[in-house]
PDB file of N, CA and C in Angstrom:
ATOM      1  N   UNK A   1      -9.076  17.588  -5.848  1.00  0.00           N
ATOM      2  CA  UNK A   1      -8.688  16.293  -5.316  1.00  0.00           C
ATOM      3  C   UNK A   1      -7.228  15.822  -5.626  1.00  0.00           C
ATOM      4  N   UNK A   2      -6.557  15.389  -4.725  1.00  0.00           N
ATOM      5  CA  UNK A   2      -5.111  15.230  -4.897  1.00  0.00           C
ATOM      6  C   UNK A   2      -5.104  13.833  -5.908  1.00  0.00           C
ATOM      7  N   UNK A   3      -4.201  13.649  -6.736  1.00  0.00           N
ATOM      8  CA  UNK A   3      -4.008  12.507  -7.344  1.00  0.00           C
ATOM      9  C   UNK A   3      -3.301  11.701  -6.489  1.00  0.00           C
ATOM     10  N   UNK A   4      -3.074  10.361  -6.816  1.00  0.00           N
ATOM     11  CA  UNK A   4      -2.672   9.252  -6.196  1.00  0.00           C
ATOM     12  C   UNK A   4      -1.290   9.248  -5.864  1.00  0.00           C
ATOM     13  N   UNK A   5      -0.502  10.088  -6.726  1.00  0.00           N
ATOM     14  CA  UNK A   5       0.991  10.037  -6.642  1.00  0.00           C
ATOM     15  C   UNK A   5       1.256  11.278  -5.494  1.00  0.00           C
ATOM     16  N   UNK A   6       0.313  12.331  -5.539  1.00  0.00           N
ATOM     17  CA  UNK A   6       0.616  13.310  -4.365  1.00  0.00           C
ATOM     18  C   UNK A   6       0.286  12.456  -3.138  1.00  0.00           C
ATOM     19  N   UNK A   7      -0.902  11.795  -3.053  1.00  0.00           N
ATOM     20  CA  UNK A   7      -1.139  11.197  -1.833  1.00  0.00           C
ATOM     21  C   UNK A   7      -0.094  10.287  -1.234  1.00  0.00           C
ATOM     22  N   UNK A   8       0.615   9.687  -2.138  1.00  0.00           N
ATOM     23  CA  UNK A   8       1.609   8.786  -1.794  1.00  0.00           C
ATOM     24  C   UNK A   8       3.097   9.693  -1.292  1.00  0.00           C
ATOM     25  N   UNK A   9       3.249  10.677  -2.178  1.00  0.00           N
ATOM     26  CA  UNK A   9       4.354  11.447  -1.566  1.00  0.00           C
ATOM     27  C   UNK A   9       4.204  12.293  -0.298  1.00  0.00           C
ATOM     28  N   UNK A  10       2.829  12.517   0.053  1.00  0.00           N
ATOM     29  CA  UNK A  10       2.641  13.105   1.361  1.00  0.00           C
ATOM     30  C   UNK A  10       2.450  12.227   2.416  1.00  0.00           C
ATOM     31  N   UNK A  11       2.621  10.814   2.209  1.00  0.00           N
ATOM     32  CA  UNK A  11       2.567   9.694   3.289  1.00  0.00           C
ATOM     33  C   UNK A  11       3.917   9.796   4.173  1.00  0.00           C
ATOM     34  N   UNK A  12       3.779  10.407   5.443  1.00  0.00           N
ATOM     35  CA  UNK A  12       5.073  10.304   6.030  1.00  0.00           C
ATOM     36  C   UNK A  12       4.788   9.376   7.284  1.00  0.00           C
ATOM     37  N   UNK A  13       5.686   8.586   7.570  1.00  0.00           N
ATOM     38  CA  UNK A  13       5.744   7.568   8.502  1.00  0.00           C
ATOM     39  C   UNK A  13       6.973   7.380   9.244  1.00  0.00           C
ATOM     40  N   UNK A  14       7.305   6.808  10.412  1.00  0.00           N
ATOM     41  CA  UNK A  14       8.474   6.485  11.050  1.00  0.00           C
ATOM     42  C   UNK A  14       9.442   5.718  10.085  1.00  0.00           C
ATOM     43  N   UNK A  15      10.696   6.164  10.145  1.00  0.00           N
ATOM     44  CA  UNK A  15      11.578   5.459   9.202  1.00  0.00           C
ATOM     45  C   UNK A  15      11.646   3.828   9.402  1.00  0.00           C
ATOM     46  N   UNK A  16      11.522   3.471  10.541  1.00  0.00           N
ATOM     47  CA  UNK A  16      11.644   2.136  10.745  1.00  0.00           C
ATOM     48  C   UNK A  16      10.455   1.574  10.196  1.00  0.00           C
ATOM     49  N   UNK A  17       9.241   1.955  10.136  1.00  0.00           N
ATOM     50  CA  UNK A  17       8.262   1.297   9.474  1.00  0.00           C
ATOM     51  C   UNK A  17       8.511   1.383   8.089  1.00  0.00           C
ATOM     52  N   UNK A  18       8.742   2.477   7.519  1.00  0.00           N
ATOM     53  CA  UNK A  18       9.115   2.380   6.192  1.00  0.00           C
ATOM     54  C   UNK A  18      10.327   1.439   5.761  1.00  0.00           C
ATOM     55  N   UNK A  19      11.360   1.445   6.533  1.00  0.00           N
ATOM     56  CA  UNK A  19      12.510   0.546   6.028  1.00  0.00           C
ATOM     57  C   UNK A  19      11.997  -0.788   6.111  1.00  0.00           C
ATOM     58  N   UNK A  20      11.203  -1.354   7.119  1.00  0.00           N
ATOM     59  CA  UNK A  20      10.805  -2.692   7.075  1.00  0.00           C
ATOM     60  C   UNK A  20       9.761  -2.895   5.945  1.00  0.00           C
ATOM     61  N   UNK A  21       8.776  -1.987   5.695  1.00  0.00           N
ATOM     62  CA  UNK A  21       7.896  -2.158   4.444  1.00  0.00           C
ATOM     63  C   UNK A  21       8.718  -2.338   3.100  1.00  0.00           C
ATOM     64  N   UNK A  22       9.872  -1.190   2.940  1.00  0.00           N
ATOM     65  CA  UNK A  22      10.550  -1.576   1.700  1.00  0.00           C
ATOM     66  C   UNK A  22      11.331  -2.834   1.386  1.00  0.00           C
ATOM     67  N   UNK A  23      11.869  -3.319   2.466  1.00  0.00           N
ATOM     68  CA  UNK A  23      12.531  -4.796   2.613  1.00  0.00           C
ATOM     69  C   UNK A  23      11.237  -5.685   2.324  1.00  0.00           C
ATOM     70  N   UNK A  24      10.195  -5.711   2.889  1.00  0.00           N
ATOM     71  CA  UNK A  24       9.193  -6.466   2.506  1.00  0.00           C
ATOM     72  C   UNK A  24       8.678  -6.429   1.098  1.00  0.00           C
ATOM     73  N   UNK A  25       8.537  -5.152   0.521  1.00  0.00           N
ATOM     74  CA  UNK A  25       8.230  -4.910  -0.814  1.00  0.00           C
ATOM     75  C   UNK A  25       8.762  -5.602  -1.816  1.00  0.00           C
ATOM     76  N   UNK A  26      10.269  -6.101  -1.671  1.00  0.00           N
ATOM     77  CA  UNK A  26      10.848  -6.763  -2.556  1.00  0.00           C
ATOM     78  C   UNK A  26      10.339  -7.948  -2.954  1.00  0.00           C
ATOM     79  N   UNK A  27       9.537  -8.500  -2.061  1.00  0.00           N
ATOM     80  CA  UNK A  27       8.845  -9.864  -2.200  1.00  0.00           C
ATOM     81  C   UNK A  27       7.351  -9.897  -2.397  1.00  0.00           C
ATOM     82  N   UNK A  28       7.059  -8.614  -2.590  1.00  0.00           N
ATOM     83  CA  UNK A  28       5.534  -8.301  -3.007  1.00  0.00           C
ATOM     84  C   UNK A  28       4.886  -9.005  -3.876  1.00  0.00           C
ATOM     85  N   UNK A  29       3.885  -9.743  -3.698  1.00  0.00           N
ATOM     86  CA  UNK A  29       2.970 -10.726  -4.867  1.00  0.00           C
ATOM     87  C   UNK A  29       1.588 -10.181  -4.627  1.00  0.00           C
ATOM     88  N   UNK A  30       1.162  -9.409  -5.547  1.00  0.00           N
ATOM     89  CA  UNK A  30      -0.104  -9.001  -5.463  1.00  0.00           C
ATOM     90  C   UNK A  30      -1.095  -9.958  -5.313  1.00  0.00           C
ATOM     91  N   UNK A  31      -0.892 -11.014  -5.903  1.00  0.00           N
ATOM     92  CA  UNK A  31      -2.063 -12.155  -5.751  1.00  0.00           C
ATOM     93  C   UNK A  31      -2.201 -12.962  -4.409  1.00  0.00           C
ATOM     94  N   UNK A  32      -0.918 -12.589  -3.707  1.00  0.00           N
ATOM     95  CA  UNK A  32      -0.829 -13.280  -2.299  1.00  0.00           C
ATOM     96  C   UNK A  32      -1.198 -12.095  -1.310  1.00  0.00           C
ATOM     97  N   UNK A  33      -0.846 -10.925  -1.478  1.00  0.00           N
ATOM     98  CA  UNK A  33      -1.153  -9.911  -0.365  1.00  0.00           C
ATOM     99  C   UNK A  33      -2.432  -9.290  -0.446  1.00  0.00           C
ATOM    100  N   UNK A  34      -2.956  -8.734  -1.645  1.00  0.00           N
ATOM    101  CA  UNK A  34      -4.091  -7.982  -1.550  1.00  0.00           C
ATOM    102  C   UNK A  34      -5.437  -8.797  -1.267  1.00  0.00           C
ATOM    103  N   UNK A  35      -5.482 -10.024  -1.584  1.00  0.00           N
ATOM    104  CA  UNK A  35      -6.716 -10.994  -1.208  1.00  0.00           C
ATOM    105  C   UNK A  35      -6.832 -10.646   0.473  1.00  0.00           C
ATOM    106  N   UNK A  36      -5.690 -10.890   1.148  1.00  0.00           N
ATOM    107  CA  UNK A  36      -5.663 -11.029   2.515  1.00  0.00           C
ATOM    108  C   UNK A  36      -5.930  -9.689   3.060  1.00  0.00           C
ATOM    109  N   UNK A  37      -5.595  -8.681   2.529  1.00  0.00           N
ATOM    110  CA  UNK A  37      -5.952  -7.433   3.093  1.00  0.00           C
ATOM    111  C   UNK A  37      -7.129  -6.784   2.540  1.00  0.00           C
ATOM    112  N   UNK A  38      -7.548  -6.988   1.471  1.00  0.00           N
ATOM    113  CA  UNK A  38      -8.722  -6.445   0.795  1.00  0.00           C
ATOM    114  C   UNK A  38     -10.163  -7.313   0.891  1.00  0.00           C
ATOM    115  N   UNK A  39      -9.769  -8.522   0.996  1.00  0.00           N
ATOM    116  CA  UNK A  39     -10.917  -9.487   0.872  1.00  0.00           C
ATOM    117  C   UNK A  39     -10.731 -10.256  -0.431  1.00  0.00           C
ATOM    118  N   UNK A  40     -11.280 -11.462  -0.332  1.00  0.00           N
ATOM    119  CA  UNK A  40     -11.141 -12.271  -1.711  1.00  0.00           C
ATOM    120  C   UNK A  40     -12.202 -11.973  -2.633  1.00  0.00           C
ATOM    121  N   UNK A  41     -11.827 -12.321  -3.716  1.00  0.00           N
ATOM    122  CA  UNK A  41     -12.632 -12.124  -4.970  1.00  0.00           C
ATOM    123  C   UNK A  41     -11.727 -11.520  -6.106  1.00  0.00           C
ATOM    124  N   UNK A  42     -12.272 -10.738  -7.164  1.00  0.00           N
ATOM    125  CA  UNK A  42     -11.640 -10.223  -8.191  1.00  0.00           C
ATOM    126  C   UNK A  42     -10.944  -8.864  -7.645  1.00  0.00           C
ATOM    127  N   UNK A  43      -9.478  -9.024  -8.016  1.00  0.00           N
ATOM    128  CA  UNK A  43      -8.650  -7.893  -7.544  1.00  0.00           C
ATOM    129  C   UNK A  43      -8.914  -6.676  -8.118  1.00  0.00           C
ATOM    130  N   UNK A  44      -8.808  -5.549  -7.576  1.00  0.00           N
ATOM    131  CA  UNK A  44      -9.158  -4.254  -7.901  1.00  0.00           C
ATOM    132  C   UNK A  44      -7.904  -3.652  -8.896  1.00  0.00           C
ATOM    133  N   UNK A  45      -8.020  -2.760  -9.822  1.00  0.00           N
ATOM    134  CA  UNK A  45      -6.766  -2.381 -10.404  1.00  0.00           C
ATOM    135  C   UNK A  45      -5.991  -1.532  -9.461  1.00  0.00           C
ATOM    136  N   UNK A  46      -4.672  -1.176  -9.784  1.00  0.00           N
ATOM    137  CA  UNK A  46      -3.758  -0.568  -8.928  1.00  0.00           C
ATOM    138  C   UNK A  46      -4.224   0.552  -8.261  1.00  0.00           C
ATOM    139  N   UNK A  47      -4.960   1.515  -9.089  1.00  0.00           N
ATOM    140  CA  UNK A  47      -5.287   2.973  -8.378  1.00  0.00           C
ATOM    141  C   UNK A  47      -6.444   2.668  -7.241  1.00  0.00           C
ATOM    142  N   UNK A  48      -7.581   1.993  -7.517  1.00  0.00           N
ATOM    143  CA  UNK A  48      -8.502   1.588  -6.701  1.00  0.00           C
ATOM    144  C   UNK A  48      -7.870   0.909  -5.256  1.00  0.00           C
ATOM    145  N   UNK A  49      -6.956  -0.088  -5.774  1.00  0.00           N
ATOM    146  CA  UNK A  49      -6.315  -0.807  -4.713  1.00  0.00           C
ATOM    147  C   UNK A  49      -5.714  -0.084  -3.656  1.00  0.00           C
ATOM    148  N   UNK A  50      -4.784   1.001  -4.335  1.00  0.00           N
ATOM    149  CA  UNK A  50      -3.839   1.943  -3.453  1.00  0.00           C
ATOM    150  C   UNK A  50      -4.753   2.711  -2.611  1.00  0.00           C
ATOM    151  N   UNK A  51      -5.947   3.257  -3.192  1.00  0.00           N
ATOM    152  CA  UNK A  51      -6.760   4.178  -2.526  1.00  0.00           C
ATOM    153  C   UNK A  51      -7.456   3.369  -1.177  1.00  0.00           C
ATOM    154  N   UNK A  52      -7.822   1.923  -1.301  1.00  0.00           N
ATOM    155  CA  UNK A  52      -8.372   1.294  -0.227  1.00  0.00           C
ATOM    156  C   UNK A  52      -7.081   0.992   0.694  1.00  0.00           C
ATOM    157  N   UNK A  53      -5.997   0.656   0.258  1.00  0.00           N
ATOM    158  CA  UNK A  53      -4.996   0.417   1.200  1.00  0.00           C
ATOM    159  C   UNK A  53      -4.495   1.490   2.157  1.00  0.00           C
ATOM    160  N   UNK A  54      -4.470   2.832   1.410  1.00  0.00           N
ATOM    161  CA  UNK A  54      -4.253   4.103   2.127  1.00  0.00           C
ATOM    162  C   UNK A  54      -5.246   4.228   3.319  1.00  0.00           C
ATOM    163  N   UNK A  55      -6.731   4.032   2.873  1.00  0.00           N
ATOM    164  CA  UNK A  55      -7.754   4.061   3.940  1.00  0.00           C
ATOM    165  C   UNK A  55      -7.356   3.087   5.115  1.00  0.00           C
ATOM    166  N   UNK A  56      -6.974   1.775   4.797  1.00  0.00           N
ATOM    167  CA  UNK A  56      -6.689   0.874   5.969  1.00  0.00           C
ATOM    168  C   UNK A  56      -5.362   1.392   6.690  1.00  0.00           C
ATOM    169  N   UNK A  57      -4.328   1.866   6.070  1.00  0.00           N
ATOM    170  CA  UNK A  57      -3.207   2.219   6.730  1.00  0.00           C
ATOM    171  C   UNK A  57      -3.292   3.383   7.475  1.00  0.00           C
ATOM    172  N   UNK A  58      -4.263   4.295   7.100  1.00  0.00           N
ATOM    173  CA  UNK A  58      -4.517   5.593   8.024  1.00  0.00           C
ATOM    174  C   UNK A  58      -5.284   5.119   9.311  1.00  0.00           C
ATOM    175  N   UNK A  59      -6.006   3.942   9.179  1.00  0.00           N
ATOM    176  CA  UNK A  59      -6.643   3.247  10.519  1.00  0.00           C
ATOM    177  C   UNK A  59      -5.482   2.829  11.393  1.00  0.00           C
ATOM    178  N   UNK A  60      -4.519   2.229  10.573  1.00  0.00           N
ATOM    179  CA  UNK A  60      -3.407   1.539  11.439  1.00  0.00           C
ATOM    180  C   UNK A  60      -2.595   2.970  12.085  1.00  0.00           C
ATOM    181  N   UNK A  61      -2.377   3.895  11.334  1.00  0.00           N
ATOM    182  CA  UNK A  61      -1.542   5.066  11.939  1.00  0.00           C
ATOM    183  C   UNK A  61      -2.439   5.712  12.979  1.00  0.00           C
ATOM    184  N   UNK A  62      -3.709   5.877  12.901  1.00  0.00           N
ATOM    185  CA  UNK A  62      -4.493   6.523  13.924  1.00  0.00           C
ATOM    186  C   UNK A  62      -4.149   5.654  15.214  1.00  0.00           C
ATOM    187  N   UNK A  63      -4.359   4.436  15.112  1.00  0.00           N
ATOM    188  CA  UNK A  63      -4.171   3.444  16.155  1.00  0.00           C
ATOM    189  C   UNK A  63      -2.785   3.572  16.750  1.00  0.00           C
ATOM    190  N   UNK A  64      -1.794   3.753  15.945  1.00  0.00           N
ATOM    191  CA  UNK A  64      -0.373   3.769  16.439  1.00  0.00           C
ATOM    192  C   UNK A  64      -0.163   5.031  17.239  1.00  0.00           C
ATOM    193  N   UNK A  65      -0.833   6.145  16.666  1.00  0.00           N
ATOM    194  CA  UNK A  65      -0.681   7.395  17.258  1.00  0.00           C
ATOM    195  C   UNK A  65      -1.435   7.582  18.775  1.00  0.00           C
ATOM    196  N   UNK A  66      -2.502   6.927  18.743  1.00  0.00           N
ATOM    197  CA  UNK A  66      -3.349   7.161  19.882  1.00  0.00           C
ATOM    198  C   UNK A  66      -2.888   5.779  20.755  1.00  0.00           C
ATOM    199  N   UNK A  67      -1.764   5.155  20.560  1.00  0.00           N
ATOM    200  CA  UNK A  67      -1.404   3.989  21.425  1.00  0.00           C
ATOM    201  C   UNK A  67      -2.644   2.894  21.709  1.00  0.00           C
ATOM    202  N   UNK A  68      -3.218   2.741  20.599  1.00  0.00           N
ATOM    203  CA  UNK A  68      -4.338   1.671  20.781  1.00  0.00           C
ATOM    204  C   UNK A  68      -3.838   0.422  21.185  1.00  0.00           C
ATOM    205  N   UNK A  69      -4.573  -0.155  22.156  1.00  0.00           N
ATOM    206  CA  UNK A  69      -4.225  -1.593  22.491  1.00  0.00           C
ATOM    207  C   UNK A  69      -4.179  -2.747  21.451  1.00  0.00           C
ATOM    208  N   UNK A  70      -4.987  -2.334  20.414  1.00  0.00           N
ATOM    209  CA  UNK A  70      -5.199  -3.368  19.416  1.00  0.00           C
ATOM    210  C   UNK A  70      -4.376  -3.267  18.276  1.00  0.00           C
ATOM    211  N   UNK A  71      -3.346  -2.298  18.317  1.00  0.00           N
ATOM    212  CA  UNK A  71      -2.326  -1.850  17.238  1.00  0.00           C
ATOM    213  C   UNK A  71      -1.386  -3.103  17.065  1.00  0.00           C
ATOM    214  N   UNK A  72      -1.447  -3.422  15.921  1.00  0.00           N
ATOM    215  CA  UNK A  72      -0.341  -4.426  15.603  1.00  0.00           C
ATOM    216  C   UNK A  72       0.827  -3.849  14.383  1.00  0.00           C
ATOM    217  N   UNK A  73       1.919  -3.801  14.916  1.00  0.00           N
ATOM    218  CA  UNK A  73       2.921  -3.251  14.009  1.00  0.00           C
ATOM    219  C   UNK A  73       3.090  -4.226  12.632  1.00  0.00           C
ATOM    220  N   UNK A  74       3.215  -5.458  13.054  1.00  0.00           N
ATOM    221  CA  UNK A  74       3.001  -6.605  11.848  1.00  0.00           C
ATOM    222  C   UNK A  74       2.072  -6.232  10.799  1.00  0.00           C
ATOM    223  N   UNK A  75       0.673  -5.813  11.161  1.00  0.00           N
ATOM    224  CA  UNK A  75      -0.273  -5.605  10.288  1.00  0.00           C
ATOM    225  C   UNK A  75      -0.002  -4.117   9.745  1.00  0.00           C
ATOM    226  N   UNK A  76       0.327  -3.111  10.326  1.00  0.00           N
ATOM    227  CA  UNK A  76       0.831  -1.911   9.894  1.00  0.00           C
ATOM    228  C   UNK A  76       1.664  -2.063   8.581  1.00  0.00           C
ATOM    229  N   UNK A  77       2.909  -2.832   9.037  1.00  0.00           N
ATOM    230  CA  UNK A  77       3.999  -2.937   8.007  1.00  0.00           C
ATOM    231  C   UNK A  77       3.468  -3.692   6.766  1.00  0.00           C
ATOM    232  N   UNK A  78       2.367  -4.980   7.096  1.00  0.00           N
ATOM    233  CA  UNK A  78       1.932  -5.495   5.873  1.00  0.00           C
ATOM    234  C   UNK A  78       1.251  -4.720   4.945  1.00  0.00           C
ATOM    235  N   UNK A  79       0.539  -3.709   5.421  1.00  0.00           N
ATOM    236  CA  UNK A  79      -0.307  -2.693   4.717  1.00  0.00           C
ATOM    237  C   UNK A  79       0.699  -1.934   4.002  1.00  0.00           C
ATOM    238  N   UNK A  80       1.706  -1.292   4.536  1.00  0.00           N
ATOM    239  CA  UNK A  80       2.696  -0.607   3.896  1.00  0.00           C
ATOM    240  C   UNK A  80       3.424  -1.185   2.705  1.00  0.00           C
ATOM    241  N   UNK A  81       3.742  -2.482   3.064  1.00  0.00           N
ATOM    242  CA  UNK A  81       4.330  -3.398   1.969  1.00  0.00           C
ATOM    243  C   UNK A  81       3.522  -3.333   0.936  1.00  0.00           C
ATOM    244  N   UNK A  82       2.193  -3.598   0.878  1.00  0.00           N
ATOM    245  CA  UNK A  82       1.180  -3.567  -0.068  1.00  0.00           C
ATOM    246  C   UNK A  82       1.155  -2.192  -0.928  1.00  0.00           C
ATOM    247  N   UNK A  83       1.214  -1.190  -0.027  1.00  0.00           N
ATOM    248  CA  UNK A  83       1.152   0.074  -0.549  1.00  0.00           C
ATOM    249  C   UNK A  83       2.320   0.483  -1.717  1.00  0.00           C
ATOM    250  N   UNK A  84       3.414   0.142  -1.174  1.00  0.00           N
ATOM    251  CA  UNK A  84       4.753   0.330  -1.866  1.00  0.00           C
ATOM    252  C   UNK A  84       4.810  -0.816  -3.105  1.00  0.00           C
ATOM    253  N   UNK A  85       4.541  -1.727  -2.818  1.00  0.00           N
ATOM    254  CA  UNK A  85       4.388  -2.742  -3.932  1.00  0.00           C
ATOM    255  C   UNK A  85       3.186  -2.355  -5.047  1.00  0.00           C
ATOM    256  N   UNK A  86       2.172  -1.947  -4.731  1.00  0.00           N
ATOM    257  CA  UNK A  86       1.209  -1.512  -5.680  1.00  0.00           C
ATOM    258  C   UNK A  86       1.563  -0.031  -6.383  1.00  0.00           C
ATOM    259  N   UNK A  87       2.299   0.551  -5.545  1.00  0.00           N
ATOM    260  CA  UNK A  87       2.777   2.099  -6.176  1.00  0.00           C
ATOM    261  C   UNK A  87       3.775   1.642  -7.265  1.00  0.00           C
ATOM    262  N   UNK A  88       4.677   0.777  -6.908  1.00  0.00           N
ATOM    263  CA  UNK A  88       5.635   0.359  -7.918  1.00  0.00           C
ATOM    264  C   UNK A  88       5.243  -0.278  -9.159  1.00  0.00           C
ATOM    265  N   UNK A  89       4.226  -1.138  -8.856  1.00  0.00           N
ATOM    266  CA  UNK A  89       3.447  -1.443 -10.160  1.00  0.00           C
ATOM    267  C   UNK A  89       2.849  -0.615 -10.985  1.00  0.00           C
ATOM    268  N   UNK A  90       2.136   0.346 -10.273  1.00  0.00           N
ATOM    269  CA  UNK A  90       1.379   1.434 -11.012  1.00  0.00           C
ATOM    270  C   UNK A  90       2.229   2.293 -11.788  1.00  0.00           C
ATOM    271  N   UNK A  91       3.447   2.703 -11.253  1.00  0.00           N
ATOM    272  CA  UNK A  91       4.560   3.389 -11.720  1.00  0.00           C
ATOM    273  C   UNK A  91       5.077   2.782 -13.083  1.00  0.00           C
ATOM    274  N   UNK A  92       5.289   1.347 -13.050  1.00  0.00           N
ATOM    275  CA  UNK A  92       5.772   0.642 -14.085  1.00  0.00           C
ATOM    276  C   UNK A  92       4.865   0.495 -15.119  1.00  0.00           C
ATOM    277  N   UNK A  93       3.572   0.413 -14.711  1.00  0.00           N
ATOM    278  CA  UNK A  93       2.458   0.278 -15.586  1.00  0.00           C
ATOM    279  C   UNK A  93       2.553   1.704 -16.563  1.00  0.00           C
ATOM    280  N   UNK A  94       2.408   2.801 -15.684  1.00  0.00           N
ATOM    281  CA  UNK A  94       2.203   3.889 -16.496  1.00  0.00           C
ATOM    282  C   UNK A  94       3.381   4.317 -17.484  1.00  0.00           C
ATOM    283  N   UNK A  95       4.675   3.741 -17.092  1.00  0.00           N
ATOM    284  CA  UNK A  95       5.713   3.874 -18.237  1.00  0.00           C
ATOM    285  C   UNK A  95       5.806   3.170 -19.375  1.00  0.00           C
ATOM    286  N   UNK A  96       4.864   2.035 -19.498  1.00  0.00           N
ATOM    287  CA  UNK A  96       4.980   1.159 -20.501  1.00  0.00           C
ATOM    288  C   UNK A  96       4.341   1.799 -21.584  1.00  0.00           C
ATOM    289  N   UNK A  97       4.641   1.666 -22.750  1.00  0.00           N
ATOM    290  CA  UNK A  97       4.227   2.375 -23.939  1.00  0.00           C
ATOM    291  C   UNK A  97       2.760   1.496 -24.200  1.00  0.00           C
ATOM    292  N   UNK A  98       1.814   2.220 -24.727  1.00  0.00           N
ATOM    293  CA  UNK A  98       0.522   1.595 -25.028  1.00  0.00           C
ATOM    294  C   UNK A  98       0.680   0.835 -26.329  1.00  0.00           C
ATOM    295  N   UNK A  99       0.118  -0.507 -26.515  1.00  0.00           N
ATOM    296  CA  UNK A  99       0.493  -1.016 -27.819  1.00  0.00           C
ATOM    297  C   UNK A  99      -0.390  -0.598 -28.970  1.00  0.00           C
ATOM    298  N   UNK A 100       0.409  -0.210 -30.089  1.00  0.00           N
ATOM    299  CA  UNK A 100      -0.399   0.303 -31.249  1.00  0.00           C
ATOM    300  C   UNK A 100      -1.217  -0.804 -31.876  1.00  0.00           C
ATOM    301  N   UNK A 101      -2.661  -0.482 -32.140  1.00  0.00           N
ATOM    302  CA  UNK A 101      -3.603  -1.374 -32.779  1.00  0.00           C
ATOM    303  C   UNK A 101      -3.631  -1.242 -34.224  1.00  0.00           C
TER     304      UNK A 101
END
């Protein structure tokens, strides 16, 4: 099974969608975005959140490719914003040295 970084690296979407998501990710707030996308309650850790977000994004991508009537560019970009934001936070967390007890 691929690790999360490989999955993210292999995620290829149209440049306009990614560009909009990167701009939006500058203002990403985990506590504001994730409950709206994943449901309210306790927020999952970055890894599980990313896996679920990628599943949701795959549904949006399938709808986009099939020119589904229910496709929403705004909803798709919103999920991509969360994916970029979570990936950035996961990378930052992995580079933080563990405290010595």
